[in-house]
Amino acid sequence: IISLQSEEEIQPATVEEALAKAGFNVTKVDRAPMRTDNANPNRFVARLETVEIDATKSKDIAATRTKAKELIESALSGVVSSGEEPEFQLRTYESHFKILLPHHTDKPYPWTGIVFGLGIVLAVAYMSGNQAIVQRTLGARSEWDAKGGMLFGGFLKSFIPLMVAVPGLCAVVLIPDLAEGDRAVPEMIGMLLPPGLKGLMFVALFAALMSSVDSTLSSASTIWTTDLFGRFYQIFSGKEMDEKFGLFMGRAFTLVFIILAGIMAPWIGQAEGLYVFIQTLLSMFQGPTLAILLLGIIWPRANRWGGLAGLSLGVVFTLTLNSIDGLFPSDDPFLFVAWWSFVFSMIVTVVVSLLTPPEPEEKI
């Protein structure tokens, strides 16, 4: 039985792998929880309490114990018996650092899904069909400002993958036992930053959150007030909704959405990961939405009935894909759902448009 102490976070798998490569039969590896060093609060200490090795066939127990201890110390210092592989990589699961995962992986991000589902559908649909993005663009002073703002926003958005990935990679090393990936950034903020910077960081995160929330609420109330409630109001009253009443209804819808979001928050919090949950939800609508937008721009023969059929049947198709277990290799197939719903909606829109009368020339 060997007991060691290290200034670094100790992973039992790291020790077991190092010993196994040297031919040891490891029967048990236990580790005490990581704690703060009393003498230095900025240092974290974890104690490897027990390493049991089957030494029944060993002729020299003392030599076996010494060799095992050297291997453990070597593993904890970042080099295993092969002499090259760093501890940082030993702490991660298989394929953690592979950018392109194979198509048959059970992870949410196979290379086919990244290229087709994210690159062609979700990313394009978000920047072109998201009402919050469109509403901000329409608020520009001129067409030139709108185009410049979209291009500059797209350039800034290219840094988001780096901003998302780096904290996660750091958390693999600093907090390897973290159960929830969504807590990686808050946990590292609490661990690494002094009190003043902690407050500043949370204020910055809250400000960024408010910026996104108010845009989403504004765009959602616009859709419900103008495209839904306004249409029904005109049908039943025989006149258009005046601006003052429309403003009141927009504020009322905003309040309703806030209340609904608060009611749904506990249910959303039960999802395995917030990012996967949001992308799964978006994949149900953005594939069909992009299909009808794209055809409406590039194909003059597309009409309202084709768009309505493509959008409605496309959403039904996404619900069907999500309800069939084992249809896709991934456990969270939102990227595949987005792609195939896009293809399906394109086909439906084209077929229905060809089977129905075209739009009048003055509307094209």
Protein backbone atom coordinates (compact mmCIF):
# COMPACT_ATOMS: atom_id res chain seq x y z
CA ILE A 1 0.00 0.00 0.00
CA ILE A 2 1.48 3.33 -1.08
CA SER A 3 0.37 6.76 0.18
CA LEU A 4 1.56 9.93 -1.54
CA GLN A 5 0.77 13.65 -1.45
CA SER A 6 0.91 16.01 -4.40
CA GLU A 7 0.43 19.72 -5.03
CA GLU A 8 -1.38 18.81 -8.23
CA GLU A 9 -4.86 17.36 -8.64
CA ILE A 10 -4.43 13.58 -8.70
CA GLN A 11 -6.42 11.37 -11.04
CA PRO A 12 -6.62 7.65 -10.14
CA ALA A 13 -6.78 6.79 -13.84
CA THR A 14 -3.43 8.51 -14.40
CA VAL A 15 -1.74 6.38 -11.76
CA GLU A 16 -3.41 3.15 -12.86
CA GLU A 17 -2.42 3.69 -16.49
CA ALA A 18 1.21 4.36 -15.60
CA LEU A 19 1.43 1.20 -13.49
CA ALA A 20 -0.38 -0.94 -16.06
CA LYS A 21 2.07 0.11 -18.80
CA ALA A 22 4.90 -1.17 -16.61
CA GLY A 23 3.21 -4.56 -16.14
CA PHE A 24 1.80 -4.08 -12.62
CA ASN A 25 -1.55 -5.65 -11.74
CA VAL A 26 -3.35 -2.78 -9.95
CA THR A 27 -6.27 -3.94 -7.83
CA LYS A 28 -7.29 -0.64 -6.20
CA VAL A 29 -6.65 3.10 -6.53
CA ASP A 30 -8.34 5.53 -4.12
CA ARG A 31 -7.98 9.28 -3.88
CA ALA A 32 -9.00 11.69 -1.15
CA PRO A 33 -11.01 14.77 -2.24
CA MET A 34 -9.02 17.83 -3.27
CA ARG A 35 -8.69 20.44 -0.52
CA THR A 36 -7.08 23.84 -0.03
CA ASP A 37 -3.68 23.87 1.64
CA ASN A 38 -4.03 25.54 5.05
CA ALA A 39 -0.61 27.18 4.75
CA ASN A 40 -1.27 28.52 1.24
CA PRO A 41 -4.94 29.09 0.28
CA ASN A 42 -3.98 29.44 -3.40
CA ARG A 43 -2.55 25.91 -3.47
CA PHE A 44 -4.72 22.83 -3.83
CA VAL A 45 -3.64 19.49 -2.42
CA ALA A 46 -5.02 16.03 -3.12
CA ARG A 47 -3.76 12.93 -1.34
CA LEU A 48 -3.52 9.60 -3.10
CA GLU A 49 -4.57 7.46 -0.16
CA THR A 50 -4.33 3.90 -1.43
CA VAL A 51 -2.74 2.06 -4.33
CA GLU A 52 -3.00 -1.70 -4.02
CA ILE A 53 -0.86 -3.88 -6.29
CA ASP A 54 -0.99 -7.65 -6.65
CA ALA A 55 2.57 -8.63 -5.67
CA THR A 56 1.96 -12.32 -4.95
CA LYS A 57 4.28 -13.36 -7.79
CA SER A 58 6.97 -10.86 -6.91
CA LYS A 59 10.27 -12.19 -5.55
CA ASP A 60 11.26 -8.85 -4.01
CA ILE A 61 8.31 -7.05 -2.39
CA ALA A 62 10.42 -4.05 -1.36
CA ALA A 63 11.80 -3.58 -4.88
CA THR A 64 8.28 -3.88 -6.32
CA ARG A 65 7.00 -1.22 -3.93
CA THR A 66 9.90 1.12 -4.74
CA LYS A 67 9.43 0.69 -8.49
CA ALA A 68 5.68 1.32 -8.21
CA LYS A 69 6.26 4.45 -6.13
CA GLU A 70 8.70 5.80 -8.72
CA LEU A 71 6.17 5.19 -11.49
CA ILE A 72 3.42 6.96 -9.55
CA GLU A 73 5.63 9.96 -8.82
CA SER A 74 6.63 10.05 -12.49
CA ALA A 75 2.97 9.96 -13.56
CA LEU A 76 2.04 12.76 -11.18
CA SER A 77 4.89 14.92 -12.43
CA GLY A 78 3.48 14.71 -15.94
CA VAL A 79 5.54 11.89 -17.52
CA VAL A 80 4.53 8.22 -17.55
CA SER A 81 6.81 5.26 -18.09
CA SER A 82 6.84 5.80 -21.86
CA GLY A 83 8.51 9.14 -21.13
CA GLU A 84 6.49 11.37 -23.45
CA GLU A 85 2.74 11.65 -22.82
CA PRO A 86 1.82 14.63 -20.59
CA GLU A 87 -0.49 14.35 -17.61
CA PHE A 88 -2.84 16.86 -19.21
CA GLN A 89 -3.69 14.31 -21.89
CA LEU A 90 -3.85 11.42 -19.47
CA ARG A 91 -6.64 13.18 -17.60
CA THR A 92 -8.93 13.34 -20.60
CA TYR A 93 -11.17 10.75 -22.16
CA GLU A 94 -10.49 9.13 -25.49
CA SER A 95 -10.78 11.45 -28.54
CA HIS A 96 -11.03 14.53 -26.31
CA PHE A 97 -8.53 16.46 -28.43
CA LYS A 98 -9.70 15.23 -31.83
CA ILE A 99 -11.31 18.10 -33.69
CA LEU A 100 -13.11 15.86 -36.20
CA LEU A 101 -14.93 13.02 -34.46
CA PRO A 102 -16.02 10.08 -36.66
CA HIS A 103 -19.52 9.89 -38.06
CA HIS A 104 -20.47 6.93 -35.85
CA THR A 105 -19.52 8.57 -32.53
CA ASP A 106 -22.14 8.83 -29.79
CA LYS A 107 -20.99 12.38 -28.99
CA PRO A 108 -23.16 15.29 -30.22
CA TYR A 109 -20.48 16.63 -32.60
CA PRO A 110 -19.46 14.16 -35.37
CA TRP A 111 -17.70 15.74 -38.33
CA THR A 112 -20.66 15.16 -40.64
CA GLY A 113 -22.97 16.97 -38.23
CA ILE A 114 -20.51 19.85 -37.83
CA VAL A 115 -20.13 20.33 -41.60
CA PHE A 116 -23.75 19.85 -42.71
CA GLY A 117 -25.89 20.48 -39.65
CA LEU A 118 -23.92 23.35 -38.10
CA GLY A 119 -21.97 24.83 -41.00
CA ILE A 120 -24.73 24.79 -43.62
CA VAL A 121 -27.96 24.97 -41.58
CA LEU A 122 -27.79 26.15 -37.97
CA ALA A 123 -25.11 28.83 -38.33
CA VAL A 124 -26.61 30.29 -41.52
CA ALA A 125 -30.19 30.10 -40.21
CA TYR A 126 -29.23 31.84 -36.96
CA MET A 127 -27.64 34.83 -38.70
CA SER A 128 -30.28 35.15 -41.44
CA GLY A 129 -33.55 33.94 -39.93
CA ASN A 130 -33.22 34.84 -36.26
CA GLN A 131 -35.69 37.65 -35.56
CA ALA A 132 -33.40 39.21 -32.94
CA ILE A 133 -30.56 39.46 -35.48
CA VAL A 134 -32.87 40.72 -38.24
CA GLN A 135 -34.45 43.31 -35.95
CA ARG A 136 -31.05 44.71 -34.97
CA THR A 137 -30.05 44.88 -38.62
CA LEU A 138 -33.23 46.70 -39.62
CA GLY A 139 -32.50 49.29 -36.94
CA ALA A 140 -29.37 50.48 -38.78
CA ARG A 141 -29.23 54.00 -40.26
CA SER A 142 -28.72 52.79 -43.82
CA GLU A 143 -28.29 49.68 -45.93
CA TRP A 144 -24.51 50.18 -45.85
CA ASP A 145 -24.53 50.31 -42.03
CA ALA A 146 -26.69 47.18 -41.91
CA LYS A 147 -24.30 45.25 -44.16
CA GLY A 148 -21.23 46.50 -42.30
CA GLY A 149 -22.75 45.64 -38.94
CA MET A 150 -23.60 42.11 -40.05
CA LEU A 151 -20.11 41.53 -41.46
CA PHE A 152 -18.40 42.89 -38.36
CA GLY A 153 -20.72 40.87 -36.14
CA GLY A 154 -19.87 37.74 -38.12
CA PHE A 155 -16.17 38.47 -37.66
CA LEU A 156 -16.57 38.83 -33.89
CA LYS A 157 -18.67 35.66 -33.77
CA SER A 158 -15.76 33.69 -35.25
CA PHE A 159 -13.99 34.06 -31.87
CA ILE A 160 -16.83 32.43 -29.93
CA PRO A 161 -15.65 28.81 -30.50
CA LEU A 162 -12.30 29.73 -28.95
CA MET A 163 -13.98 31.48 -26.02
CA VAL A 164 -16.20 28.46 -25.44
CA ALA A 165 -13.52 25.78 -25.87
CA VAL A 166 -10.62 27.22 -23.84
CA PRO A 167 -12.47 27.38 -20.47
CA GLY A 168 -13.66 23.82 -21.01
CA LEU A 169 -10.14 22.56 -21.72
CA CYS A 170 -8.85 24.34 -18.61
CA ALA A 171 -11.63 22.80 -16.53
CA VAL A 172 -10.53 19.32 -17.63
CA VAL A 173 -7.28 19.87 -15.72
CA LEU A 174 -8.34 22.20 -12.90
CA ILE A 175 -11.66 20.53 -12.04
CA PRO A 176 -11.52 17.01 -13.53
CA ASP A 177 -14.33 15.68 -11.33
CA LEU A 178 -16.82 18.40 -12.31
CA ALA A 179 -20.16 16.71 -12.88
CA GLU A 180 -21.87 19.50 -14.85
CA GLY A 181 -20.10 21.10 -17.79
CA ASP A 182 -22.25 24.23 -17.50
CA ARG A 183 -20.58 24.97 -14.15
CA ALA A 184 -17.04 25.02 -15.56
CA VAL A 185 -16.77 28.81 -15.94
CA PRO A 186 -18.42 29.74 -12.59
CA GLU A 187 -16.30 27.21 -10.72
CA MET A 188 -13.05 28.46 -12.29
CA ILE A 189 -14.01 32.08 -11.63
CA GLY A 190 -14.47 31.23 -7.97
CA MET A 191 -11.24 29.24 -7.88
CA LEU A 192 -8.84 31.50 -9.78
CA LEU A 193 -9.96 35.13 -9.50
CA PRO A 194 -9.61 37.46 -6.49
CA PRO A 195 -12.83 38.91 -4.97
CA GLY A 196 -12.77 42.18 -6.95
CA LEU A 197 -12.32 40.51 -10.32
CA LYS A 198 -14.96 37.91 -9.44
CA GLY A 199 -17.54 40.65 -9.06
CA LEU A 200 -16.41 42.38 -12.25
CA MET A 201 -16.58 39.14 -14.21
CA PHE A 202 -20.09 38.31 -13.01
CA VAL A 203 -21.25 41.86 -13.80
CA ALA A 204 -19.85 41.48 -17.34
CA LEU A 205 -21.57 38.10 -17.76
CA PHE A 206 -24.84 39.52 -16.46
CA ALA A 207 -24.62 42.52 -18.81
CA ALA A 208 -24.01 40.21 -21.78
CA LEU A 209 -26.96 38.07 -20.70
CA MET A 210 -29.24 41.10 -20.43
CA SER A 211 -28.20 42.23 -23.92
CA SER A 212 -29.28 38.90 -25.39
CA VAL A 213 -32.43 38.58 -23.27
CA ASP A 214 -33.84 42.00 -24.13
CA SER A 215 -33.25 41.42 -27.86
CA THR A 216 -34.94 38.03 -27.71
CA LEU A 217 -37.92 39.35 -25.74
CA SER A 218 -38.31 42.31 -28.09
CA SER A 219 -38.19 40.14 -31.21
CA ALA A 220 -40.58 37.56 -29.73
CA SER A 221 -43.14 40.22 -28.78
CA THR A 222 -42.80 41.74 -32.27
CA ILE A 223 -43.63 38.41 -33.91
CA TRP A 224 -46.62 37.75 -31.67
CA THR A 225 -47.95 41.31 -31.84
CA THR A 226 -47.46 41.99 -35.56
CA ASP A 227 -47.58 38.62 -37.31
CA LEU A 228 -50.06 36.73 -35.12
CA PHE A 229 -52.21 38.93 -32.90
CA GLY A 230 -52.27 41.78 -35.44
CA ARG A 231 -53.49 39.50 -38.22
CA PHE A 232 -56.31 38.03 -36.12
CA TYR A 233 -57.22 41.50 -34.84
CA GLN A 234 -57.58 42.72 -38.41
CA ILE A 235 -59.68 39.70 -39.43
CA PHE A 236 -62.15 39.96 -36.55
CA SER A 237 -62.32 43.75 -36.18
CA GLY A 238 -62.09 44.66 -39.84
CA LYS A 239 -59.44 47.32 -39.23
CA GLU A 240 -55.73 47.52 -38.60
CA MET A 241 -54.39 47.70 -35.06
CA ASP A 242 -53.39 51.24 -34.09
CA GLU A 243 -49.85 51.98 -32.92
CA LYS A 244 -50.74 52.76 -29.29
CA PHE A 245 -52.68 49.52 -28.80
CA GLY A 246 -49.95 47.56 -30.59
CA LEU A 247 -47.33 48.99 -28.21
CA PHE A 248 -49.47 47.99 -25.22
CA MET A 249 -49.91 44.44 -26.54
CA GLY A 250 -46.18 44.16 -27.24
CA ARG A 251 -45.38 45.04 -23.63
CA ALA A 252 -48.04 42.62 -22.41
CA PHE A 253 -46.59 39.78 -24.49
CA THR A 254 -43.11 40.60 -23.15
CA LEU A 255 -44.38 40.23 -19.58
CA VAL A 256 -46.07 36.94 -20.46
CA PHE A 257 -42.85 35.58 -22.00
CA ILE A 258 -40.86 36.51 -18.88
CA ILE A 259 -43.35 34.69 -16.65
CA LEU A 260 -43.34 31.63 -18.92
CA ALA A 261 -39.53 31.60 -18.95
CA GLY A 262 -39.49 31.63 -15.14
CA ILE A 263 -41.96 28.74 -15.02
CA MET A 264 -39.93 26.70 -17.53
CA ALA A 265 -36.52 27.44 -15.95
CA PRO A 266 -36.52 24.47 -13.49
CA TRP A 267 -37.46 22.09 -16.29
CA ILE A 268 -34.76 23.50 -18.59
CA GLY A 269 -32.24 23.22 -15.74
CA GLN A 270 -32.74 19.45 -15.69
CA ALA A 271 -31.24 19.13 -19.17
CA GLU A 272 -27.83 17.45 -19.39
CA GLY A 273 -26.24 20.56 -20.91
CA LEU A 274 -27.68 23.99 -21.59
CA TYR A 275 -25.93 24.36 -24.95
CA VAL A 276 -27.15 20.99 -26.21
CA PHE A 277 -30.68 21.79 -24.99
CA ILE A 278 -30.76 25.14 -26.83
CA GLN A 279 -29.35 23.65 -30.03
CA THR A 280 -31.82 20.76 -29.89
CA LEU A 281 -34.67 23.26 -29.59
CA LEU A 282 -33.34 25.43 -32.41
CA SER A 283 -32.79 22.43 -34.69
CA MET A 284 -36.54 21.77 -34.65
CA PHE A 285 -37.27 25.08 -36.41
CA GLN A 286 -34.15 26.45 -38.08
CA GLY A 287 -33.86 23.76 -40.76
CA PRO A 288 -37.39 24.36 -42.13
CA THR A 289 -37.04 28.14 -41.66
CA LEU A 290 -33.81 28.30 -43.66
CA ALA A 291 -35.32 26.15 -46.41
CA ILE A 292 -38.27 28.46 -47.08
CA LEU A 293 -36.14 31.62 -46.74
CA LEU A 294 -33.55 30.31 -49.18
CA LEU A 295 -36.12 29.19 -51.75
CA GLY A 296 -38.01 32.46 -51.38
CA ILE A 297 -34.84 34.36 -52.29
CA ILE A 298 -33.41 32.25 -55.12
CA TRP A 299 -36.53 30.64 -56.68
CA PRO A 300 -39.31 32.97 -57.92
CA ARG A 301 -41.71 30.02 -58.40
CA ALA A 302 -41.93 29.40 -54.64
CA ASN A 303 -45.28 30.51 -53.22
CA ARG A 304 -47.00 30.95 -49.88
CA TRP A 305 -48.55 27.49 -49.90
CA GLY A 306 -45.20 25.85 -50.52
CA GLY A 307 -43.64 27.88 -47.72
CA LEU A 308 -46.47 27.05 -45.32
CA ALA A 309 -46.28 23.34 -46.13
CA GLY A 310 -42.48 23.27 -45.93
CA LEU A 311 -42.42 25.03 -42.56
CA SER A 312 -45.26 23.12 -40.87
CA LEU A 313 -44.40 19.66 -42.21
CA GLY A 314 -40.71 20.33 -41.58
CA VAL A 315 -41.37 20.95 -37.88
CA VAL A 316 -43.45 17.76 -37.70
CA PHE A 317 -40.58 15.93 -39.41
CA THR A 318 -38.08 17.17 -36.79
CA LEU A 319 -40.33 15.97 -33.97
CA THR A 320 -40.54 12.57 -35.68
CA LEU A 321 -36.76 12.31 -36.05
CA ASN A 322 -36.23 13.17 -32.38
CA SER A 323 -38.78 10.59 -31.24
CA ILE A 324 -37.17 7.59 -33.01
CA ASP A 325 -34.56 5.97 -30.76
CA GLY A 326 -31.41 4.67 -32.42
CA LEU A 327 -32.04 6.45 -35.72
CA PHE A 328 -28.72 8.32 -35.43
CA PRO A 329 -25.44 7.21 -33.80
CA SER A 330 -25.31 10.29 -31.56
CA ASP A 331 -27.28 10.45 -28.32
CA ASP A 332 -28.05 14.13 -29.07
CA PRO A 333 -28.58 14.19 -32.86
CA PHE A 334 -29.61 17.84 -33.19
CA LEU A 335 -27.06 18.46 -35.95
CA PHE A 336 -28.44 15.60 -38.05
CA VAL A 337 -32.02 16.67 -37.31
CA ALA A 338 -31.24 20.21 -38.50
CA TRP A 339 -29.71 18.96 -41.76
CA TRP A 340 -32.36 16.41 -42.71
CA SER A 341 -35.24 18.71 -41.75
CA PHE A 342 -33.69 21.34 -44.04
CA VAL A 343 -33.52 18.86 -46.93
CA PHE A 344 -37.06 17.60 -46.26
CA SER A 345 -38.52 21.11 -46.10
CA MET A 346 -36.76 22.09 -49.33
CA ILE A 347 -38.35 19.12 -51.12
CA VAL A 348 -41.82 19.76 -49.66
CA THR A 349 -41.69 23.47 -50.51
CA VAL A 350 -40.67 22.78 -54.12
CA VAL A 351 -43.29 20.05 -54.65
CA VAL A 352 -46.19 22.01 -53.12
CA SER A 353 -45.19 25.21 -54.95
CA LEU A 354 -45.24 23.36 -58.28
CA LEU A 355 -48.65 21.84 -57.51
CA THR A 356 -50.25 25.19 -56.61
CA PRO A 357 -50.70 28.44 -58.58
CA PRO A 358 -47.70 30.79 -58.66
CA GLU A 359 -47.68 34.14 -56.90
CA PRO A 360 -48.77 37.20 -58.93
CA GLU A 361 -45.95 39.08 -60.63
CA GLU A 362 -46.51 42.21 -58.53
CA LYS A 363 -45.78 40.26 -55.32
CA ILE A 364 -42.49 38.80 -56.52
